[in-house]
Amino acid sequence: MGNVGSQFSVYPNPLQGDNMNLQFWYQPAEEYTVRLLSSSGQLMMANEIDHQSGNSTETIQLNNSMAHGVYQLETQVSHIKKRTKMWITK
């Protein structure tokens, strides 16, 4: 399980399919932005999640034509932005 910070966890990592899960732990109700960037910084996916507070898991479906490689998963809420490496191994 890849740790995006004390507030989020993303799994599976490495990702072998088209679905990744973003788990929220004890988070306030807010809109969260999730972006997946290629190693060159190109935006591959963007998603807005309307989290209702507390704990939950959101499943995000990726484009099935994404190449294998290393990506940066960026999560942002308000002015706080965190990144973690995601490996896609299709």
Protein backbone atom coordinates (compact mmCIF):
# COMPACT_ATOMS: atom_id res chain seq x y z
CA MET A 1 0.00 0.00 0.00
CA GLY A 2 1.48 3.38 -0.98
CA ASN A 3 1.21 6.11 1.60
CA VAL A 4 0.26 9.54 0.23
CA GLY A 5 0.50 11.09 3.67
CA SER A 6 -1.11 10.50 7.03
CA GLN A 7 -4.54 11.28 5.54
CA PHE A 8 -4.65 9.09 2.41
CA SER A 9 -3.56 5.73 1.17
CA VAL A 10 -3.54 4.56 -2.43
CA TYR A 11 -3.61 0.92 -3.44
CA PRO A 12 -2.70 -1.28 -5.15
CA ASN A 13 0.74 0.09 -5.85
CA PRO A 14 2.05 -1.17 -8.20
CA LEU A 15 -1.19 -1.08 -10.18
CA GLN A 16 -1.77 -3.95 -12.59
CA GLY A 17 -5.34 -3.23 -13.69
CA ASP A 18 -7.38 -0.13 -14.48
CA ASN A 19 -8.77 0.64 -11.00
CA MET A 20 -6.97 2.25 -8.11
CA ASN A 21 -8.37 2.91 -4.66
CA LEU A 22 -7.89 6.07 -2.64
CA GLN A 23 -8.61 5.52 1.03
CA PHE A 24 -9.46 8.48 3.28
CA TRP A 25 -8.82 8.28 7.02
CA TYR A 26 -10.57 10.70 9.40
CA GLN A 27 -10.86 13.43 6.79
CA PRO A 28 -13.22 16.42 6.90
CA ALA A 29 -15.98 16.89 4.35
CA GLU A 30 -14.35 18.69 1.42
CA GLU A 31 -13.74 18.42 -2.28
CA TYR A 32 -10.47 16.68 -3.06
CA THR A 33 -8.61 16.85 -6.37
CA VAL A 34 -6.72 13.79 -7.59
CA ARG A 35 -4.36 14.04 -10.57
CA LEU A 36 -2.10 11.48 -12.19
CA LEU A 37 0.99 12.88 -13.89
CA SER A 38 3.44 11.12 -16.19
CA SER A 39 7.15 11.15 -15.37
CA SER A 40 7.48 14.12 -17.75
CA GLY A 41 4.73 16.04 -15.91
CA GLN A 42 1.95 15.47 -18.46
CA LEU A 43 -1.54 15.33 -16.95
CA MET A 44 -2.90 11.82 -17.55
CA MET A 45 -6.03 11.92 -15.38
CA ALA A 46 -7.86 14.38 -13.15
CA ASN A 47 -10.73 13.61 -10.81
CA GLU A 48 -12.72 15.53 -8.21
CA ILE A 49 -13.90 13.61 -5.14
CA ASP A 50 -16.63 15.01 -2.90
CA HIS A 51 -15.65 13.37 0.39
CA GLN A 52 -18.42 13.38 3.01
CA SER A 53 -16.07 13.16 6.07
CA GLY A 54 -14.66 10.33 8.13
CA ASN A 55 -13.31 7.17 6.52
CA SER A 56 -14.08 6.01 2.99
CA THR A 57 -12.54 4.42 -0.08
CA GLU A 58 -12.98 5.87 -3.55
CA THR A 59 -12.31 3.73 -6.62
CA ILE A 60 -10.85 5.63 -9.57
CA GLN A 61 -10.89 4.05 -13.02
CA LEU A 62 -7.91 4.86 -15.20
CA ASN A 63 -7.72 4.89 -18.98
CA ASN A 64 -6.98 1.31 -20.03
CA SER A 65 -4.50 2.52 -22.67
CA MET A 66 -2.06 3.98 -20.14
CA ALA A 67 1.46 2.65 -20.66
CA HIS A 68 3.35 0.89 -17.89
CA GLY A 69 5.77 3.10 -16.03
CA VAL A 70 6.19 5.41 -13.05
CA TYR A 71 3.64 8.18 -12.46
CA GLN A 72 3.06 10.82 -9.79
CA LEU A 73 -0.28 10.70 -7.97
CA GLU A 74 -1.15 14.14 -6.64
CA THR A 75 -3.87 14.71 -4.06
CA GLN A 76 -4.95 18.20 -3.10
CA VAL A 77 -7.41 19.67 -0.63
CA SER A 78 -7.55 23.39 0.02
CA HIS A 79 -3.93 24.54 -0.17
CA ILE A 80 -2.37 21.19 0.85
CA LYS A 81 -0.88 19.16 -2.00
CA LYS A 82 0.83 15.77 -1.66
CA ARG A 83 2.47 13.52 -4.25
CA THR A 84 3.43 9.87 -4.28
CA LYS A 85 4.92 7.59 -6.90
CA MET A 86 2.56 5.16 -8.61
CA TRP A 87 3.82 2.23 -10.65
CA ILE A 88 1.61 0.96 -13.46
CA THR A 89 2.64 -2.51 -14.62
CA LYS A 90 0.23 -3.60 -17.33
